[in-house]
N, C-alpha and C. Protein backbone atom coordinates (compact mmCIF):
# COMPACT_ATOMS: atom_id res chain seq x y z
N UNK A 1 15.20 -26.90 4.05
CA UNK A 1 14.18 -26.36 3.18
C UNK A 1 13.61 -25.09 3.80
N UNK A 2 13.44 -24.03 3.02
CA UNK A 2 12.95 -22.76 3.53
C UNK A 2 11.46 -22.79 3.81
N UNK A 3 11.03 -21.77 4.52
CA UNK A 3 9.63 -21.63 4.86
C UNK A 3 8.84 -21.29 3.60
N UNK A 4 7.62 -21.84 3.47
CA UNK A 4 6.76 -21.55 2.32
C UNK A 4 6.39 -20.07 2.32
N UNK A 5 6.32 -19.49 1.15
CA UNK A 5 5.99 -18.09 0.99
C UNK A 5 4.49 -17.95 0.80
N UNK A 6 3.87 -17.03 1.53
CA UNK A 6 2.45 -16.74 1.37
C UNK A 6 2.29 -15.83 0.16
N UNK A 7 2.17 -16.44 -1.01
CA UNK A 7 2.08 -15.65 -2.24
C UNK A 7 0.74 -14.95 -2.38
N UNK A 8 -0.25 -15.34 -1.61
CA UNK A 8 -1.57 -14.73 -1.71
C UNK A 8 -1.54 -13.24 -1.38
N UNK A 9 -0.53 -12.81 -0.63
CA UNK A 9 -0.45 -11.39 -0.26
C UNK A 9 0.41 -10.58 -1.23
N UNK A 10 0.96 -11.24 -2.27
CA UNK A 10 1.76 -10.55 -3.29
C UNK A 10 0.86 -10.29 -4.50
N UNK A 11 0.47 -9.06 -4.70
CA UNK A 11 -0.60 -8.70 -5.63
C UNK A 11 -0.04 -7.92 -6.81
N UNK A 12 -0.29 -8.42 -8.02
CA UNK A 12 0.24 -7.79 -9.23
C UNK A 12 -0.83 -6.98 -9.94
N UNK A 13 -0.41 -5.81 -10.43
CA UNK A 13 -1.20 -5.00 -11.35
C UNK A 13 -0.40 -4.97 -12.64
N UNK A 14 -1.00 -5.41 -13.74
CA UNK A 14 -0.31 -5.46 -15.03
C UNK A 14 -1.18 -4.81 -16.09
N UNK A 15 -0.73 -4.86 -17.33
CA UNK A 15 -1.46 -4.29 -18.46
C UNK A 15 -0.49 -3.57 -19.36
N UNK A 16 -1.02 -2.83 -20.29
CA UNK A 16 -0.18 -2.07 -21.21
C UNK A 16 0.28 -0.77 -20.58
N UNK A 17 1.25 -0.12 -21.21
CA UNK A 17 1.71 1.17 -20.69
C UNK A 17 0.62 2.23 -20.81
N UNK A 18 0.62 3.16 -19.88
CA UNK A 18 -0.28 4.30 -19.95
C UNK A 18 -1.71 3.99 -19.57
N UNK A 19 -1.95 2.88 -18.88
CA UNK A 19 -3.31 2.49 -18.51
C UNK A 19 -3.63 2.82 -17.05
N UNK A 20 -2.72 3.49 -16.35
CA UNK A 20 -2.98 3.92 -14.98
C UNK A 20 -2.47 2.99 -13.89
N UNK A 21 -1.64 2.00 -14.25
CA UNK A 21 -1.11 1.06 -13.25
C UNK A 21 -0.28 1.78 -12.20
N UNK A 22 0.69 2.52 -12.64
CA UNK A 22 1.62 3.18 -11.71
C UNK A 22 0.91 4.22 -10.86
N UNK A 23 -0.04 4.93 -11.44
CA UNK A 23 -0.82 5.91 -10.68
C UNK A 23 -1.60 5.20 -9.58
N UNK A 24 -2.19 4.06 -9.90
CA UNK A 24 -2.93 3.27 -8.91
C UNK A 24 -2.00 2.80 -7.79
N UNK A 25 -0.85 2.24 -8.16
CA UNK A 25 0.08 1.71 -7.16
C UNK A 25 0.60 2.85 -6.28
N UNK A 26 0.92 3.99 -6.87
CA UNK A 26 1.35 5.15 -6.05
C UNK A 26 0.24 5.59 -5.10
N UNK A 27 -0.98 5.60 -5.58
CA UNK A 27 -2.12 5.98 -4.73
C UNK A 27 -2.24 5.02 -3.55
N UNK A 28 -2.11 3.73 -3.81
CA UNK A 28 -2.19 2.75 -2.73
C UNK A 28 -1.00 2.88 -1.77
N UNK A 29 0.17 3.23 -2.29
CA UNK A 29 1.33 3.45 -1.42
C UNK A 29 1.07 4.64 -0.50
N UNK A 30 0.49 5.71 -1.04
CA UNK A 30 0.18 6.88 -0.22
C UNK A 30 -0.87 6.56 0.84
N UNK A 31 -1.69 5.53 0.57
CA UNK A 31 -2.71 5.11 1.53
C UNK A 31 -2.13 4.15 2.57
N UNK A 32 -0.82 3.87 2.48
CA UNK A 32 -0.16 3.06 3.48
C UNK A 32 0.12 1.61 3.10
N UNK A 33 -0.21 1.22 1.87
CA UNK A 33 0.07 -0.15 1.44
C UNK A 33 1.52 -0.26 0.96
N UNK A 34 2.12 -1.40 1.23
CA UNK A 34 3.47 -1.66 0.73
C UNK A 34 3.36 -1.91 -0.78
N UNK A 35 4.25 -1.29 -1.52
CA UNK A 35 4.20 -1.39 -2.98
C UNK A 35 5.60 -1.55 -3.56
N UNK A 36 5.65 -2.21 -4.71
CA UNK A 36 6.90 -2.39 -5.44
C UNK A 36 6.74 -1.68 -6.79
N UNK A 37 7.58 -0.69 -7.08
CA UNK A 37 7.44 0.07 -8.32
C UNK A 37 7.81 -0.76 -9.55
N UNK A 38 7.39 -0.27 -10.71
CA UNK A 38 7.68 -0.95 -11.98
C UNK A 38 9.17 -0.94 -12.25
N UNK A 39 9.70 -2.10 -12.61
CA UNK A 39 11.14 -2.22 -12.88
C UNK A 39 11.53 -1.57 -14.20
N UNK A 40 10.70 -1.70 -15.22
CA UNK A 40 11.06 -1.21 -16.55
C UNK A 40 11.38 0.27 -16.57
N UNK A 41 10.52 1.07 -15.98
CA UNK A 41 10.76 2.52 -15.97
C UNK A 41 12.01 2.85 -15.17
N UNK A 42 12.24 2.14 -14.07
CA UNK A 42 13.44 2.40 -13.27
C UNK A 42 14.70 2.06 -14.06
N UNK A 43 14.68 0.93 -14.76
CA UNK A 43 15.84 0.54 -15.58
C UNK A 43 16.08 1.58 -16.67
N UNK A 44 15.02 2.02 -17.33
CA UNK A 44 15.18 3.01 -18.40
C UNK A 44 15.77 4.30 -17.84
N UNK A 45 15.23 4.78 -16.72
CA UNK A 45 15.77 6.02 -16.11
C UNK A 45 17.26 5.89 -15.80
N UNK A 46 17.63 4.76 -15.17
CA UNK A 46 19.04 4.55 -14.80
C UNK A 46 19.92 4.45 -16.04
N UNK A 47 19.47 3.73 -17.04
CA UNK A 47 20.27 3.54 -18.24
C UNK A 47 20.42 4.84 -19.02
N UNK A 48 19.36 5.65 -19.08
CA UNK A 48 19.48 6.95 -19.75
C UNK A 48 20.45 7.85 -19.00
N UNK A 49 20.40 7.82 -17.68
CA UNK A 49 21.29 8.66 -16.87
C UNK A 49 22.74 8.21 -16.99
N UNK A 50 22.97 6.90 -17.13
CA UNK A 50 24.32 6.35 -17.18
C UNK A 50 24.86 6.13 -18.59
N UNK A 51 24.05 6.38 -19.61
CA UNK A 51 24.46 6.09 -20.98
C UNK A 51 24.56 4.59 -21.24
N UNK A 52 23.77 3.82 -20.53
CA UNK A 52 23.82 2.36 -20.65
C UNK A 52 23.09 1.84 -21.87
N UNK A 53 23.28 0.54 -22.12
CA UNK A 53 22.69 -0.12 -23.29
C UNK A 53 21.44 -0.93 -22.96
N UNK A 54 21.08 -1.10 -21.70
CA UNK A 54 19.94 -1.92 -21.31
C UNK A 54 18.65 -1.11 -21.48
N UNK A 55 18.37 -0.75 -22.72
CA UNK A 55 17.18 0.01 -23.08
C UNK A 55 16.39 -0.79 -24.11
N UNK A 56 15.07 -0.72 -24.08
CA UNK A 56 14.28 -1.55 -25.00
C UNK A 56 14.54 -1.21 -26.46
N UNK A 57 14.94 0.01 -26.77
CA UNK A 57 15.18 0.40 -28.15
C UNK A 57 16.66 0.24 -28.55
N UNK A 58 17.52 -0.19 -27.61
CA UNK A 58 18.93 -0.43 -27.91
C UNK A 58 19.25 -1.92 -27.83
N UNK A 59 19.01 -2.53 -26.68
CA UNK A 59 19.31 -3.96 -26.47
C UNK A 59 18.17 -4.58 -25.66
N UNK A 60 17.10 -5.03 -26.36
CA UNK A 60 15.92 -5.55 -25.64
C UNK A 60 16.23 -6.75 -24.74
N UNK A 61 17.18 -7.59 -25.14
CA UNK A 61 17.50 -8.76 -24.30
C UNK A 61 18.18 -8.33 -23.00
N UNK A 62 19.10 -7.38 -23.08
CA UNK A 62 19.76 -6.87 -21.88
C UNK A 62 18.76 -6.12 -20.99
N UNK A 63 17.87 -5.35 -21.62
CA UNK A 63 16.82 -4.66 -20.88
C UNK A 63 15.98 -5.68 -20.09
N UNK A 64 15.60 -6.77 -20.73
CA UNK A 64 14.80 -7.82 -20.06
C UNK A 64 15.57 -8.41 -18.89
N UNK A 65 16.86 -8.65 -19.05
CA UNK A 65 17.67 -9.21 -17.95
C UNK A 65 17.72 -8.25 -16.77
N UNK A 66 17.88 -6.96 -17.05
CA UNK A 66 17.90 -5.97 -15.97
C UNK A 66 16.55 -5.93 -15.25
N UNK A 67 15.45 -5.98 -16.02
CA UNK A 67 14.12 -5.99 -15.40
C UNK A 67 13.93 -7.25 -14.56
N UNK A 68 14.34 -8.40 -15.10
CA UNK A 68 14.17 -9.65 -14.37
C UNK A 68 14.93 -9.60 -13.05
N UNK A 69 16.16 -9.12 -13.09
CA UNK A 69 16.96 -9.02 -11.86
C UNK A 69 16.25 -8.14 -10.83
N UNK A 70 15.76 -7.00 -11.26
CA UNK A 70 15.08 -6.07 -10.35
C UNK A 70 13.78 -6.68 -9.83
N UNK A 71 13.03 -7.36 -10.70
CA UNK A 71 11.76 -7.97 -10.28
C UNK A 71 11.99 -9.11 -9.29
N UNK A 72 13.04 -9.88 -9.48
CA UNK A 72 13.34 -10.96 -8.54
C UNK A 72 13.74 -10.39 -7.17
N UNK A 73 14.48 -9.30 -7.18
CA UNK A 73 14.84 -8.66 -5.91
C UNK A 73 13.61 -8.09 -5.22
N UNK A 74 12.70 -7.50 -5.99
CA UNK A 74 11.45 -6.96 -5.42
C UNK A 74 10.61 -8.09 -4.82
N UNK A 75 10.55 -9.20 -5.53
CA UNK A 75 9.78 -10.35 -5.02
C UNK A 75 10.40 -10.83 -3.71
N UNK A 76 11.72 -10.96 -3.67
CA UNK A 76 12.40 -11.40 -2.46
C UNK A 76 12.18 -10.44 -1.30
N UNK A 77 12.25 -9.16 -1.56
CA UNK A 77 12.01 -8.16 -0.50
C UNK A 77 10.58 -8.26 0.02
N UNK A 78 9.64 -8.47 -0.88
CA UNK A 78 8.23 -8.54 -0.49
C UNK A 78 7.95 -9.76 0.37
N UNK A 79 8.61 -10.87 0.06
CA UNK A 79 8.35 -12.08 0.83
C UNK A 79 8.89 -11.96 2.26
N UNK A 80 9.82 -11.06 2.47
CA UNK A 80 10.38 -10.85 3.81
C UNK A 80 9.49 -9.94 4.66
N UNK A 81 8.51 -9.30 4.04
CA UNK A 81 7.60 -8.40 4.74
C UNK A 81 6.38 -9.16 5.24
N UNK A 82 5.59 -8.49 6.04
CA UNK A 82 4.29 -9.03 6.43
C UNK A 82 3.22 -8.17 5.76
N UNK A 83 2.06 -8.72 5.55
CA UNK A 83 0.96 -7.98 4.96
C UNK A 83 1.05 -7.93 3.44
N UNK A 84 0.02 -7.37 2.83
CA UNK A 84 -0.02 -7.33 1.36
C UNK A 84 1.03 -6.40 0.76
N UNK A 85 1.51 -6.79 -0.41
CA UNK A 85 2.44 -5.95 -1.18
C UNK A 85 1.89 -5.89 -2.60
N UNK A 86 1.72 -4.69 -3.12
CA UNK A 86 1.22 -4.51 -4.48
C UNK A 86 2.39 -4.23 -5.41
N UNK A 87 2.41 -4.96 -6.52
CA UNK A 87 3.48 -4.85 -7.50
C UNK A 87 2.98 -4.15 -8.75
N UNK A 88 3.72 -3.17 -9.21
CA UNK A 88 3.49 -2.54 -10.50
C UNK A 88 4.24 -3.41 -11.52
N UNK A 89 3.57 -4.44 -11.97
CA UNK A 89 4.10 -5.50 -12.85
C UNK A 89 4.87 -6.52 -12.02
N UNK A 90 5.06 -7.71 -12.60
CA UNK A 90 5.75 -8.79 -11.91
C UNK A 90 6.71 -9.52 -12.83
N UNK A 91 7.27 -10.59 -12.34
CA UNK A 91 8.25 -11.38 -13.11
C UNK A 91 7.66 -11.85 -14.43
N UNK A 92 6.39 -12.22 -14.45
CA UNK A 92 5.74 -12.70 -15.67
C UNK A 92 5.75 -11.62 -16.76
N UNK A 93 5.72 -10.35 -16.37
CA UNK A 93 5.74 -9.27 -17.35
C UNK A 93 7.02 -9.29 -18.20
N UNK A 94 8.11 -9.79 -17.64
CA UNK A 94 9.36 -9.87 -18.41
C UNK A 94 9.17 -10.85 -19.58
N UNK A 95 8.52 -11.97 -19.32
CA UNK A 95 8.22 -12.94 -20.38
C UNK A 95 7.33 -12.27 -21.43
N UNK A 96 6.32 -11.56 -20.98
CA UNK A 96 5.43 -10.86 -21.91
C UNK A 96 6.18 -9.84 -22.74
N UNK A 97 7.07 -9.09 -22.10
CA UNK A 97 7.87 -8.10 -22.83
C UNK A 97 8.69 -8.76 -23.94
N UNK A 98 9.36 -9.86 -23.59
CA UNK A 98 10.19 -10.55 -24.58
C UNK A 98 9.35 -11.05 -25.75
N UNK A 99 8.21 -11.62 -25.46
CA UNK A 99 7.34 -12.10 -26.54
C UNK A 99 6.86 -10.95 -27.41
N UNK A 100 6.47 -9.87 -26.79
CA UNK A 100 6.02 -8.70 -27.53
C UNK A 100 7.12 -8.16 -28.44
N UNK A 101 8.35 -8.22 -27.95
CA UNK A 101 9.50 -7.72 -28.71
C UNK A 101 9.98 -8.73 -29.76
N UNK A 102 9.34 -9.91 -29.82
CA UNK A 102 9.75 -10.93 -30.79
C UNK A 102 11.06 -11.60 -30.42
N UNK A 103 11.39 -11.57 -29.15
CA UNK A 103 12.65 -12.14 -28.67
C UNK A 103 12.38 -13.49 -28.04
N UNK A 104 13.35 -14.40 -28.08
CA UNK A 104 13.17 -15.69 -27.40
C UNK A 104 13.16 -15.48 -25.89
N UNK A 105 12.39 -16.32 -25.21
CA UNK A 105 12.32 -16.27 -23.75
C UNK A 105 13.34 -17.26 -23.22
N UNK A 106 14.41 -16.78 -22.57
CA UNK A 106 15.42 -17.70 -22.03
C UNK A 106 14.79 -18.64 -20.99
N UNK A 107 15.36 -19.83 -20.90
CA UNK A 107 14.84 -20.84 -19.96
C UNK A 107 14.83 -20.31 -18.53
N UNK A 108 15.84 -19.52 -18.14
CA UNK A 108 15.87 -19.01 -16.76
C UNK A 108 14.75 -18.00 -16.50
N UNK A 109 14.33 -17.25 -17.51
CA UNK A 109 13.22 -16.30 -17.34
C UNK A 109 11.90 -17.06 -17.19
N UNK A 110 11.71 -18.08 -18.01
CA UNK A 110 10.52 -18.92 -17.90
C UNK A 110 10.49 -19.60 -16.53
N UNK A 111 11.62 -20.14 -16.10
CA UNK A 111 11.69 -20.82 -14.80
C UNK A 111 11.38 -19.84 -13.66
N UNK A 112 11.87 -18.62 -13.76
CA UNK A 112 11.60 -17.61 -12.73
C UNK A 112 10.11 -17.29 -12.68
N UNK A 113 9.48 -17.16 -13.84
CA UNK A 113 8.05 -16.84 -13.88
C UNK A 113 7.22 -17.98 -13.28
N UNK A 114 7.70 -19.20 -13.41
CA UNK A 114 6.99 -20.36 -12.84
C UNK A 114 7.25 -20.49 -11.34
N UNK A 115 8.44 -20.13 -10.90
CA UNK A 115 8.82 -20.34 -9.50
C UNK A 115 8.41 -19.19 -8.58
N UNK A 116 8.59 -17.97 -9.01
CA UNK A 116 8.33 -16.80 -8.16
C UNK A 116 6.91 -16.33 -8.41
N UNK A 117 6.01 -16.86 -7.61
CA UNK A 117 4.58 -16.69 -7.80
C UNK A 117 4.02 -15.50 -7.02
N UNK A 118 2.83 -15.11 -7.42
CA UNK A 118 2.07 -14.04 -6.80
C UNK A 118 0.67 -14.56 -6.48
N UNK A 119 -0.16 -13.71 -5.92
CA UNK A 119 -1.56 -14.05 -5.68
C UNK A 119 -2.14 -14.59 -7.00
N UNK A 120 -2.96 -15.63 -6.93
CA UNK A 120 -3.49 -16.23 -8.17
C UNK A 120 -4.34 -15.28 -9.01
N UNK A 121 -4.88 -14.23 -8.38
CA UNK A 121 -5.66 -13.24 -9.11
C UNK A 121 -4.79 -12.02 -9.39
N UNK A 122 -4.70 -11.67 -10.67
CA UNK A 122 -3.89 -10.53 -11.11
C UNK A 122 -4.82 -9.46 -11.65
N UNK A 123 -4.58 -8.22 -11.27
CA UNK A 123 -5.38 -7.09 -11.76
C UNK A 123 -4.77 -6.59 -13.07
N UNK A 124 -5.61 -6.37 -14.07
CA UNK A 124 -5.16 -5.94 -15.39
C UNK A 124 -5.78 -4.58 -15.71
N UNK A 125 -4.93 -3.60 -15.96
CA UNK A 125 -5.39 -2.27 -16.37
C UNK A 125 -5.59 -2.29 -17.89
N UNK A 126 -6.83 -2.08 -18.35
CA UNK A 126 -7.08 -2.11 -19.79
C UNK A 126 -6.57 -0.85 -20.48
N UNK A 127 -6.38 -0.91 -21.78
CA UNK A 127 -5.99 0.30 -22.51
C UNK A 127 -7.01 1.42 -22.25
N UNK A 128 -6.49 2.62 -22.12
CA UNK A 128 -7.35 3.76 -21.79
C UNK A 128 -6.79 4.97 -22.52
N UNK A 129 -7.21 5.15 -23.76
CA UNK A 129 -6.64 6.20 -24.62
C UNK A 129 -6.78 7.60 -24.04
N UNK A 130 -7.84 7.83 -23.26
CA UNK A 130 -8.07 9.17 -22.70
C UNK A 130 -6.98 9.59 -21.71
N UNK A 131 -6.34 8.65 -21.05
CA UNK A 131 -5.29 9.02 -20.09
C UNK A 131 -3.89 8.71 -20.61
N UNK A 132 -3.78 8.07 -21.77
CA UNK A 132 -2.49 7.64 -22.29
C UNK A 132 -1.62 8.85 -22.67
N UNK A 133 -0.37 8.82 -22.22
CA UNK A 133 0.61 9.87 -22.55
C UNK A 133 1.96 9.21 -22.78
N UNK A 134 2.73 9.77 -23.69
CA UNK A 134 4.12 9.32 -23.87
C UNK A 134 5.02 10.26 -23.06
N UNK A 135 6.23 9.78 -22.79
CA UNK A 135 7.22 10.60 -22.09
C UNK A 135 8.60 10.04 -22.44
N UNK A 136 9.63 10.49 -21.72
CA UNK A 136 11.00 10.06 -22.03
C UNK A 136 11.19 8.56 -21.86
N UNK A 137 10.42 7.94 -20.98
CA UNK A 137 10.56 6.51 -20.72
C UNK A 137 9.49 5.69 -21.43
N UNK A 138 8.35 6.28 -21.74
CA UNK A 138 7.26 5.58 -22.41
C UNK A 138 7.17 6.15 -23.83
N UNK A 139 7.72 5.43 -24.77
CA UNK A 139 7.77 5.90 -26.15
C UNK A 139 6.78 5.18 -27.06
N UNK A 140 6.10 4.16 -26.54
CA UNK A 140 5.21 3.35 -27.37
C UNK A 140 3.98 4.15 -27.79
N UNK A 141 3.53 3.96 -29.04
CA UNK A 141 2.25 4.56 -29.45
C UNK A 141 1.10 3.78 -28.82
N UNK A 142 -0.10 4.37 -28.78
CA UNK A 142 -1.25 3.68 -28.17
C UNK A 142 -1.52 2.28 -28.73
N UNK A 143 -1.31 2.07 -30.01
CA UNK A 143 -1.56 0.74 -30.59
C UNK A 143 -0.62 -0.30 -29.98
N UNK A 144 0.62 0.08 -29.71
CA UNK A 144 1.55 -0.86 -29.07
C UNK A 144 1.15 -1.10 -27.60
N UNK A 145 0.62 -0.07 -26.96
CA UNK A 145 0.14 -0.24 -25.59
C UNK A 145 -1.01 -1.27 -25.58
N UNK A 146 -1.87 -1.23 -26.59
CA UNK A 146 -2.97 -2.19 -26.68
C UNK A 146 -2.44 -3.60 -26.93
N UNK A 147 -1.42 -3.73 -27.77
CA UNK A 147 -0.80 -5.05 -27.99
C UNK A 147 -0.14 -5.56 -26.71
N UNK A 148 0.47 -4.66 -25.96
CA UNK A 148 1.09 -5.04 -24.69
C UNK A 148 0.03 -5.57 -23.73
N UNK A 149 -1.08 -4.89 -23.65
CA UNK A 149 -2.19 -5.34 -22.79
C UNK A 149 -2.61 -6.75 -23.17
N UNK A 150 -2.82 -6.99 -24.45
CA UNK A 150 -3.26 -8.32 -24.91
C UNK A 150 -2.20 -9.38 -24.60
N UNK A 151 -0.93 -9.03 -24.79
CA UNK A 151 0.15 -9.98 -24.52
C UNK A 151 0.23 -10.31 -23.04
N UNK A 152 0.13 -9.30 -22.18
CA UNK A 152 0.20 -9.55 -20.73
C UNK A 152 -0.97 -10.42 -20.28
N UNK A 153 -2.15 -10.16 -20.81
CA UNK A 153 -3.31 -11.01 -20.47
C UNK A 153 -3.02 -12.46 -20.85
N UNK A 154 -2.52 -12.66 -22.05
CA UNK A 154 -2.26 -14.02 -22.53
C UNK A 154 -1.17 -14.71 -21.71
N UNK A 155 -0.10 -14.01 -21.41
CA UNK A 155 1.03 -14.61 -20.69
C UNK A 155 0.64 -14.94 -19.25
N UNK A 156 -0.02 -14.02 -18.57
CA UNK A 156 -0.44 -14.32 -17.20
C UNK A 156 -1.41 -15.51 -17.17
N UNK A 157 -2.32 -15.58 -18.13
CA UNK A 157 -3.24 -16.72 -18.19
C UNK A 157 -2.46 -18.02 -18.44
N UNK A 158 -1.48 -17.96 -19.31
CA UNK A 158 -0.64 -19.14 -19.61
C UNK A 158 0.08 -19.64 -18.35
N UNK A 159 0.49 -18.73 -17.49
CA UNK A 159 1.19 -19.11 -16.26
C UNK A 159 0.22 -19.44 -15.13
N UNK A 160 -1.06 -19.52 -15.44
CA UNK A 160 -2.05 -20.01 -14.49
C UNK A 160 -2.70 -18.98 -13.59
N UNK A 161 -2.62 -17.71 -13.94
CA UNK A 161 -3.24 -16.67 -13.13
C UNK A 161 -4.66 -16.38 -13.63
N UNK A 162 -5.52 -15.99 -12.70
CA UNK A 162 -6.86 -15.50 -13.03
C UNK A 162 -6.77 -13.99 -13.18
N UNK A 163 -7.45 -13.45 -14.17
CA UNK A 163 -7.34 -12.03 -14.47
C UNK A 163 -8.61 -11.28 -14.10
N UNK A 164 -8.44 -10.15 -13.43
CA UNK A 164 -9.54 -9.26 -13.10
C UNK A 164 -9.22 -7.92 -13.74
N UNK A 165 -10.09 -7.49 -14.67
CA UNK A 165 -9.85 -6.21 -15.33
C UNK A 165 -10.27 -5.06 -14.43
N UNK A 166 -9.41 -4.07 -14.34
CA UNK A 166 -9.71 -2.87 -13.55
C UNK A 166 -10.70 -2.01 -14.32
N UNK A 167 -11.61 -1.37 -13.61
CA UNK A 167 -12.54 -0.46 -14.29
C UNK A 167 -11.82 0.82 -14.69
N UNK A 168 -12.33 1.46 -15.73
CA UNK A 168 -11.80 2.76 -16.17
C UNK A 168 -12.54 3.84 -15.38
N UNK A 169 -12.07 4.04 -14.16
CA UNK A 169 -12.67 5.02 -13.24
C UNK A 169 -11.55 5.80 -12.57
N UNK A 170 -11.87 6.91 -11.90
CA UNK A 170 -10.82 7.67 -11.21
C UNK A 170 -10.03 6.79 -10.25
N UNK A 171 -8.80 7.20 -9.97
CA UNK A 171 -7.86 6.38 -9.22
C UNK A 171 -8.39 5.98 -7.84
N UNK A 172 -9.08 6.87 -7.15
CA UNK A 172 -9.59 6.52 -5.82
C UNK A 172 -10.61 5.37 -5.92
N UNK A 173 -11.44 5.39 -6.96
CA UNK A 173 -12.40 4.30 -7.15
C UNK A 173 -11.70 3.01 -7.55
N UNK A 174 -10.68 3.13 -8.36
CA UNK A 174 -9.88 1.95 -8.74
C UNK A 174 -9.23 1.34 -7.51
N UNK A 175 -8.69 2.20 -6.66
CA UNK A 175 -8.04 1.71 -5.44
C UNK A 175 -9.05 0.97 -4.56
N UNK A 176 -10.26 1.53 -4.41
CA UNK A 176 -11.30 0.84 -3.63
C UNK A 176 -11.64 -0.51 -4.24
N UNK A 177 -11.70 -0.57 -5.56
CA UNK A 177 -11.99 -1.82 -6.27
C UNK A 177 -10.94 -2.88 -5.91
N UNK A 178 -9.67 -2.49 -5.94
CA UNK A 178 -8.58 -3.42 -5.62
C UNK A 178 -8.65 -3.82 -4.15
N UNK A 179 -8.77 -2.84 -3.26
CA UNK A 179 -8.77 -3.12 -1.83
C UNK A 179 -9.91 -4.04 -1.45
N UNK A 180 -11.09 -3.83 -2.02
CA UNK A 180 -12.24 -4.70 -1.72
C UNK A 180 -11.94 -6.15 -2.12
N UNK A 181 -11.30 -6.35 -3.25
CA UNK A 181 -11.02 -7.71 -3.73
C UNK A 181 -9.85 -8.35 -2.99
N UNK A 182 -8.91 -7.54 -2.57
CA UNK A 182 -7.76 -8.05 -1.82
C UNK A 182 -8.19 -8.44 -0.41
N UNK A 183 -9.11 -7.67 0.15
CA UNK A 183 -9.56 -7.90 1.52
C UNK A 183 -10.51 -9.08 1.64
N UNK A 184 -11.18 -9.46 0.56
CA UNK A 184 -12.17 -10.53 0.66
C UNK A 184 -11.55 -11.91 0.57
């Protein structure tokens, strides 16, 4: 039997697209914290570059499988480290994505979300229209970003996580907010 994983040091930031999650995680990475980037954007970039089909607007089920694979690898890499690791989304986000897309959640995705745990408290970036922007990888309109936020809140709560909403403040203040709660 393997050694128990200290999931308390695996910290997730979730929410809808364009709410400042990735900016926060990059800021914390620049401050020296170990961070795991968002899988969805990486998959989209790779698939667009390769002409692949694992894109949310082409094959949402394949896209979810690619994200799940990447998220499981990120979780495994983080457990091999010492100290806190901040995740720009986690395994549970794949379940939320599938539900939002109206797709069935495969048993293996549900099992992964139950098995590969994070700190019981998850930070949620609320919708923030003033900073929301679309780009080549983020095509959702603000209303869909708000639905994504609501779905992620519901799914993380369903999997037993406590949710802490991030304040709508500049990134340095947001980072202090997270660091204070992670350190306590």
